[in-house]
Amino acid sequence: MKNRPHFRPNPYYEDLERMEEAVMSILHNLEMENTEVHENNHKLKKEITFSRNLLSQLLMENTCRKKLVPLKQESKEVHLDCALNQKYLVDFNKKDKDQQRPEPALSGLRKCKRAGIGHTPVRELPEE
C-alpha cells in the first residue's frame, strides 16, 4: 500500500500533527507547573498565617512583660511593707507584754475576770 502512487501524505497534515504534539506537551508542562505553583502558594499561605500568629503572640508576650515589670516592682514593695509591718507587730507585741506584767495583787482579779468569775451583786431575798 505504501507503494501506491496515488497515496501521498499531506506535508501540512504532518506539520500540524507535530505542532499539536508540541502544544500538548507545552500544555502538560504548564498544567504541572500550575499544580506545583498552587501547592507552593498554599504552603506559603500556611507559613504566612503561622508567622502572623507568631508575631501576634510575640507582641502580646512583649506587652505582658512590659506590664509585668511594674507589677513585680509593686509586689516587691508590698512584700517589703508586709515584712516591715510584721516586724513592727512583733516588736509592738513584745513591748505590750513587757508593759502588761501583772502586779501580784491584781493577778488573781485578772484571772477571775478572764474566767468570767468576778464580783456580782447579791440580791437580797425578801424577809418572811
N, C-alpha and C. Protein backbone atom coordinates (compact mmCIF):
# COMPACT_ATOMS: atom_id res chain seq x y z
N MET A 1 0.80 -1.18 0.00
CA MET A 1 0.00 0.00 0.00
C MET A 1 0.85 1.25 0.00
N LYS A 2 1.97 1.15 0.61
CA LYS A 2 2.82 2.33 0.65
C LYS A 2 3.37 2.65 -0.74
N ASN A 3 3.42 1.67 -1.54
CA ASN A 3 3.97 1.86 -2.86
C ASN A 3 2.93 2.37 -3.86
N ARG A 4 1.78 2.62 -3.42
CA ARG A 4 0.76 3.10 -4.34
C ARG A 4 1.10 4.52 -4.78
N PRO A 5 0.97 4.80 -6.00
CA PRO A 5 1.32 6.12 -6.48
C PRO A 5 0.30 7.19 -6.11
N HIS A 6 -0.94 6.85 -5.93
CA HIS A 6 -1.95 7.87 -5.66
C HIS A 6 -1.99 8.28 -4.17
N PHE A 7 -1.32 7.50 -3.25
CA PHE A 7 -1.34 7.83 -1.84
C PHE A 7 -0.09 8.59 -1.49
N ARG A 8 -0.26 9.88 -1.20
CA ARG A 8 0.86 10.71 -0.75
C ARG A 8 0.42 11.42 0.52
N PRO A 9 1.21 11.32 1.59
CA PRO A 9 0.82 12.04 2.81
C PRO A 9 0.92 13.54 2.60
N ASN A 10 -0.02 14.21 3.21
CA ASN A 10 -0.07 15.66 3.09
C ASN A 10 1.01 16.25 4.02
N PRO A 11 1.95 17.03 3.51
CA PRO A 11 3.01 17.59 4.37
C PRO A 11 2.45 18.57 5.40
N TYR A 12 1.38 19.24 5.08
CA TYR A 12 0.79 20.17 6.06
C TYR A 12 0.16 19.42 7.23
N TYR A 13 -0.42 18.25 6.93
CA TYR A 13 -1.03 17.46 7.98
C TYR A 13 0.03 16.95 8.96
N GLU A 14 1.16 16.51 8.46
CA GLU A 14 2.25 16.05 9.31
C GLU A 14 2.79 17.21 10.16
N ASP A 15 2.93 18.36 9.56
CA ASP A 15 3.38 19.54 10.33
C ASP A 15 2.36 19.89 11.42
N LEU A 16 1.10 19.77 11.07
CA LEU A 16 0.03 20.07 12.02
C LEU A 16 0.05 19.07 13.19
N GLU A 17 0.31 17.81 12.91
CA GLU A 17 0.40 16.80 13.98
C GLU A 17 1.60 17.09 14.89
N ARG A 18 2.71 17.44 14.32
CA ARG A 18 3.89 17.78 15.13
C ARG A 18 3.62 19.01 15.99
N MET A 19 2.96 19.98 15.42
CA MET A 19 2.63 21.19 16.19
C MET A 19 1.65 20.86 17.31
N GLU A 20 0.69 19.95 17.03
CA GLU A 20 -0.25 19.55 18.07
C GLU A 20 0.48 18.85 19.22
N GLU A 21 1.41 17.96 18.89
CA GLU A 21 2.20 17.27 19.92
C GLU A 21 3.00 18.28 20.75
N ALA A 22 3.59 19.26 20.10
CA ALA A 22 4.37 20.27 20.82
C ALA A 22 3.46 21.10 21.73
N VAL A 23 2.29 21.47 21.22
CA VAL A 23 1.35 22.27 22.02
C VAL A 23 0.84 21.46 23.20
N MET A 24 0.53 20.17 22.95
CA MET A 24 0.05 19.32 24.05
C MET A 24 1.13 19.13 25.11
N SER A 25 2.37 19.01 24.68
CA SER A 25 3.49 18.89 25.62
C SER A 25 3.63 20.16 26.45
N ILE A 26 3.55 21.30 25.77
CA ILE A 26 3.62 22.59 26.49
C ILE A 26 2.46 22.72 27.46
N LEU A 27 1.26 22.31 27.02
CA LEU A 27 0.07 22.38 27.89
C LEU A 27 0.26 21.49 29.12
N HIS A 28 0.76 20.29 28.91
CA HIS A 28 1.01 19.38 30.04
C HIS A 28 2.02 20.00 31.01
N ASN A 29 3.09 20.54 30.47
CA ASN A 29 4.11 21.17 31.33
C ASN A 29 3.52 22.35 32.11
N LEU A 30 2.69 23.14 31.44
CA LEU A 30 2.06 24.28 32.12
C LEU A 30 1.10 23.82 33.21
N GLU A 31 0.36 22.74 32.94
CA GLU A 31 -0.54 22.21 33.97
C GLU A 31 0.23 21.70 35.18
N MET A 32 1.33 21.01 34.94
CA MET A 32 2.16 20.52 36.04
C MET A 32 2.76 21.69 36.82
N GLU A 33 3.23 22.68 36.11
CA GLU A 33 3.80 23.86 36.76
C GLU A 33 2.72 24.60 37.56
N ASN A 34 1.50 24.68 36.99
CA ASN A 34 0.38 25.34 37.68
C ASN A 34 0.06 24.60 38.99
N THR A 35 0.05 23.27 38.93
CA THR A 35 -0.22 22.47 40.13
C THR A 35 0.86 22.71 41.19
N GLU A 36 2.09 22.73 40.74
CA GLU A 36 3.21 22.95 41.67
C GLU A 36 3.14 24.35 42.29
N VAL A 37 2.84 25.35 41.45
CA VAL A 37 2.72 26.72 41.95
C VAL A 37 1.56 26.83 42.94
N HIS A 38 0.46 26.15 42.64
CA HIS A 38 -0.70 26.16 43.54
C HIS A 38 -0.33 25.56 44.90
N GLU A 39 0.39 24.43 44.89
CA GLU A 39 0.82 23.79 46.14
C GLU A 39 1.78 24.71 46.92
N ASN A 40 2.72 25.32 46.20
CA ASN A 40 3.65 26.24 46.86
C ASN A 40 2.91 27.43 47.44
N ASN A 41 1.92 27.93 46.69
CA ASN A 41 1.13 29.06 47.17
C ASN A 41 0.39 28.68 48.46
N HIS A 42 -0.17 27.47 48.49
CA HIS A 42 -0.87 27.00 49.68
C HIS A 42 0.08 26.89 50.88
N LYS A 43 1.28 26.35 50.64
CA LYS A 43 2.29 26.24 51.71
C LYS A 43 2.69 27.63 52.21
N LEU A 44 2.88 28.56 51.28
CA LEU A 44 3.26 29.92 51.67
C LEU A 44 2.16 30.61 52.47
N LYS A 45 0.91 30.36 52.11
CA LYS A 45 -0.20 30.93 52.88
C LYS A 45 -0.20 30.38 54.31
N LYS A 46 0.08 29.08 54.44
CA LYS A 46 0.17 28.50 55.77
C LYS A 46 1.30 29.14 56.58
N GLU A 47 2.44 29.32 55.94
CA GLU A 47 3.59 29.93 56.61
C GLU A 47 3.29 31.38 57.00
N ILE A 48 2.61 32.10 56.12
CA ILE A 48 2.25 33.49 56.42
C ILE A 48 1.30 33.53 57.61
N THR A 49 0.32 32.64 57.62
CA THR A 49 -0.62 32.59 58.74
C THR A 49 0.13 32.26 60.03
N PHE A 50 1.01 31.28 59.97
CA PHE A 50 1.81 30.92 61.14
C PHE A 50 2.65 32.10 61.61
N SER A 51 3.28 32.79 60.66
CA SER A 51 4.12 33.94 61.02
C SER A 51 3.30 35.06 61.65
N ARG A 52 2.13 35.30 61.10
CA ARG A 52 1.26 36.34 61.67
C ARG A 52 0.85 35.97 63.09
N ASN A 53 0.46 34.70 63.28
CA ASN A 53 0.08 34.25 64.62
C ASN A 53 1.26 34.35 65.58
N LEU A 54 2.44 33.95 65.08
CA LEU A 54 3.63 34.02 65.92
C LEU A 54 3.94 35.48 66.28
N LEU A 55 3.85 36.36 65.30
CA LEU A 55 4.11 37.78 65.56
C LEU A 55 3.10 38.31 66.57
N SER A 56 1.85 37.93 66.39
CA SER A 56 0.82 38.37 67.33
C SER A 56 1.12 37.88 68.74
N GLN A 57 1.51 36.62 68.86
CA GLN A 57 1.84 36.08 70.17
C GLN A 57 3.05 36.78 70.78
N LEU A 58 4.06 37.06 69.95
CA LEU A 58 5.25 37.75 70.45
C LEU A 58 4.91 39.16 70.91
N LEU A 59 4.07 39.86 70.16
CA LEU A 59 3.67 41.20 70.57
C LEU A 59 2.88 41.15 71.87
N MET A 60 2.00 40.16 72.00
CA MET A 60 1.22 40.00 73.23
C MET A 60 2.14 39.70 74.41
N GLU A 61 3.10 38.82 74.19
CA GLU A 61 4.05 38.48 75.25
C GLU A 61 4.88 39.70 75.65
N ASN A 62 5.30 40.47 74.66
CA ASN A 62 6.08 41.67 74.94
C ASN A 62 5.26 42.67 75.75
N THR A 63 3.99 42.83 75.37
CA THR A 63 3.10 43.74 76.10
C THR A 63 2.91 43.25 77.54
N CYS A 64 2.73 41.95 77.69
CA CYS A 64 2.55 41.39 79.04
C CYS A 64 3.81 41.58 79.88
N ARG A 65 4.97 41.40 79.27
CA ARG A 65 6.22 41.60 80.02
C ARG A 65 6.36 43.06 80.45
N LYS A 66 5.98 43.98 79.56
CA LYS A 66 6.06 45.40 79.92
C LYS A 66 5.13 45.71 81.09
N LYS A 67 3.95 45.06 81.10
CA LYS A 67 3.02 45.27 82.20
C LYS A 67 3.48 44.55 83.46
N LEU A 68 4.23 43.47 83.29
CA LEU A 68 4.66 42.67 84.42
C LEU A 68 5.76 43.33 85.22
N VAL A 69 6.61 44.11 84.57
CA VAL A 69 7.73 44.76 85.27
C VAL A 69 7.24 45.65 86.41
N PRO A 70 6.29 46.57 86.17
CA PRO A 70 5.81 47.38 87.30
C PRO A 70 5.10 46.55 88.36
N LEU A 71 4.41 45.48 87.92
CA LEU A 71 3.72 44.63 88.89
C LEU A 71 4.72 43.89 89.78
N LYS A 72 5.82 43.45 89.20
CA LYS A 72 6.85 42.79 90.00
C LYS A 72 7.45 43.77 91.00
N GLN A 73 7.69 44.99 90.54
CA GLN A 73 8.24 46.00 91.43
C GLN A 73 7.26 46.29 92.56
N GLU A 74 5.98 46.41 92.21
CA GLU A 74 4.96 46.67 93.21
C GLU A 74 4.86 45.49 94.18
N SER A 75 4.98 44.27 93.67
CA SER A 75 4.94 43.08 94.51
C SER A 75 6.10 43.08 95.50
N LYS A 76 7.27 43.46 95.02
CA LYS A 76 8.43 43.54 95.92
C LYS A 76 8.17 44.56 97.02
N GLU A 77 7.61 45.70 96.63
CA GLU A 77 7.33 46.74 97.62
C GLU A 77 6.29 46.25 98.64
N VAL A 78 5.28 45.54 98.17
CA VAL A 78 4.25 45.02 99.07
C VAL A 78 4.86 44.01 100.03
N HIS A 79 5.71 43.12 99.51
CA HIS A 79 6.37 42.14 100.39
C HIS A 79 7.25 42.83 101.42
N LEU A 80 7.93 43.86 101.00
CA LEU A 80 8.76 44.61 101.94
C LEU A 80 7.89 45.28 103.00
N ASP A 81 6.78 45.88 102.56
CA ASP A 81 5.86 46.51 103.52
C ASP A 81 5.30 45.47 104.49
N CYS A 82 4.95 44.30 103.99
CA CYS A 82 4.42 43.24 104.86
C CYS A 82 5.47 42.80 105.87
N ALA A 83 6.70 42.66 105.41
CA ALA A 83 7.77 42.26 106.34
C ALA A 83 7.98 43.33 107.40
N LEU A 84 7.96 44.59 106.99
CA LEU A 84 8.13 45.68 107.96
C LEU A 84 6.96 45.72 108.94
N ASN A 85 5.75 45.53 108.43
CA ASN A 85 4.58 45.52 109.31
C ASN A 85 4.63 44.35 110.28
N GLN A 86 5.05 43.21 109.80
CA GLN A 86 5.15 42.05 110.68
C GLN A 86 6.21 42.28 111.76
N LYS A 87 7.32 42.85 111.39
CA LYS A 87 8.37 43.16 112.37
C LYS A 87 7.84 44.19 113.39
N TYR A 88 7.12 45.19 112.87
CA TYR A 88 6.55 46.19 113.75
C TYR A 88 5.58 45.55 114.74
N LEU A 89 4.73 44.63 114.26
CA LEU A 89 3.76 43.98 115.13
C LEU A 89 4.45 43.10 116.17
N VAL A 90 5.50 42.40 115.78
CA VAL A 90 6.25 41.57 116.74
C VAL A 90 6.86 42.45 117.82
N ASP A 91 7.49 43.55 117.40
CA ASP A 91 8.09 44.47 118.37
C ASP A 91 7.01 45.08 119.26
N PHE A 92 5.87 45.43 118.67
CA PHE A 92 4.78 46.03 119.44
C PHE A 92 4.24 45.03 120.46
N ASN A 93 4.09 43.77 120.06
CA ASN A 93 3.60 42.74 120.99
C ASN A 93 4.58 42.53 122.14
N LYS A 94 5.88 42.56 121.83
CA LYS A 94 6.88 42.41 122.88
C LYS A 94 6.78 43.57 123.88
N LYS A 95 6.66 44.79 123.36
CA LYS A 95 6.56 45.96 124.24
C LYS A 95 5.27 45.90 125.06
N ASP A 96 4.18 45.46 124.42
CA ASP A 96 2.90 45.37 125.10
C ASP A 96 2.96 44.32 126.22
N LYS A 97 3.61 43.20 125.96
CA LYS A 97 3.75 42.17 127.00
C LYS A 97 4.61 42.67 128.15
N ASP A 98 5.65 43.43 127.80
CA ASP A 98 6.51 43.97 128.86
C ASP A 98 5.74 44.97 129.71
N GLN A 99 4.87 45.74 129.09
CA GLN A 99 4.11 46.74 129.85
C GLN A 99 2.98 46.10 130.64
N GLN A 100 2.52 44.93 130.26
CA GLN A 100 1.39 44.30 130.92
C GLN A 100 1.82 43.30 131.99
N ARG A 101 3.01 43.36 132.46
CA ARG A 101 3.41 42.44 133.52
C ARG A 101 2.49 42.67 134.72
N PRO A 102 1.81 41.65 135.14
CA PRO A 102 0.81 41.83 136.20
C PRO A 102 1.46 42.06 137.57
N GLU A 103 0.77 42.88 138.34
CA GLU A 103 1.20 43.09 139.72
C GLU A 103 0.68 41.93 140.52
N PRO A 104 1.38 41.51 141.55
CA PRO A 104 0.97 40.31 142.28
C PRO A 104 -0.43 40.43 142.88
N ALA A 105 -0.84 41.59 143.36
CA ALA A 105 -2.14 41.72 144.00
C ALA A 105 -3.27 41.66 142.98
N LEU A 106 -3.03 42.12 141.77
CA LEU A 106 -4.09 42.17 140.78
C LEU A 106 -4.16 40.90 139.92
N SER A 107 -3.18 40.04 140.03
CA SER A 107 -3.14 38.89 139.13
C SER A 107 -4.33 37.97 139.36
N GLY A 108 -4.75 37.77 140.58
CA GLY A 108 -5.89 36.92 140.85
C GLY A 108 -7.17 37.51 140.30
N LEU A 109 -7.33 38.85 140.42
CA LEU A 109 -8.51 39.52 139.91
C LEU A 109 -8.59 39.38 138.40
N ARG A 110 -7.46 39.54 137.74
CA ARG A 110 -7.46 39.42 136.27
C ARG A 110 -7.84 38.01 135.85
N LYS A 111 -7.33 37.00 136.57
CA LYS A 111 -7.67 35.63 136.23
C LYS A 111 -9.16 35.41 136.39
N CYS A 112 -9.75 35.98 137.43
CA CYS A 112 -11.18 35.80 137.66
C CYS A 112 -11.99 36.48 136.56
N LYS A 113 -11.58 37.66 136.17
CA LYS A 113 -12.33 38.36 135.12
C LYS A 113 -12.24 37.60 133.80
N ARG A 114 -11.07 37.03 133.51
CA ARG A 114 -10.92 36.28 132.27
C ARG A 114 -11.79 35.03 132.29
N ALA A 115 -11.91 34.42 133.45
CA ALA A 115 -12.70 33.19 133.57
C ALA A 115 -14.18 33.49 133.67
N GLY A 116 -14.55 34.72 133.80
CA GLY A 116 -15.95 35.07 133.92
C GLY A 116 -16.42 35.07 135.37
N ILE A 117 -15.48 34.91 136.26
CA ILE A 117 -15.82 34.92 137.68
C ILE A 117 -15.41 36.27 138.22
N GLY A 118 -16.28 36.89 138.85
CA GLY A 118 -15.94 38.19 139.40
C GLY A 118 -16.95 38.57 140.45
N HIS A 119 -16.89 39.75 140.90
CA HIS A 119 -17.82 40.22 141.90
C HIS A 119 -19.15 40.50 141.24
N THR A 120 -20.19 39.78 141.70
CA THR A 120 -21.53 40.02 141.20
C THR A 120 -22.37 40.49 142.36
N PRO A 121 -23.21 41.46 142.14
CA PRO A 121 -24.02 41.95 143.26
C PRO A 121 -24.99 40.88 143.74
N VAL A 122 -25.16 40.82 145.04
CA VAL A 122 -26.04 39.82 145.66
C VAL A 122 -27.37 40.49 145.90
N ARG A 123 -28.42 39.83 145.46
CA ARG A 123 -29.76 40.34 145.72
C ARG A 123 -30.21 39.90 147.10
N GLU A 124 -30.85 40.76 147.70
CA GLU A 124 -31.36 40.38 148.99
C GLU A 124 -32.71 39.70 148.80
N LEU A 125 -32.87 38.64 149.56
CA LEU A 125 -34.11 37.91 149.49
C LEU A 125 -35.15 38.60 150.39
N PRO A 126 -36.39 38.59 150.02
CA PRO A 126 -37.41 39.21 150.88
C PRO A 126 -37.58 38.45 152.20
N GLU A 127 -37.79 39.18 153.22
CA GLU A 127 -37.94 38.57 154.53
C GLU A 127 -39.32 37.95 154.65
N GLU A 128 -39.37 36.87 155.37
CA GLU A 128 -40.65 36.20 155.54
C GLU A 128 -41.29 36.51 156.84
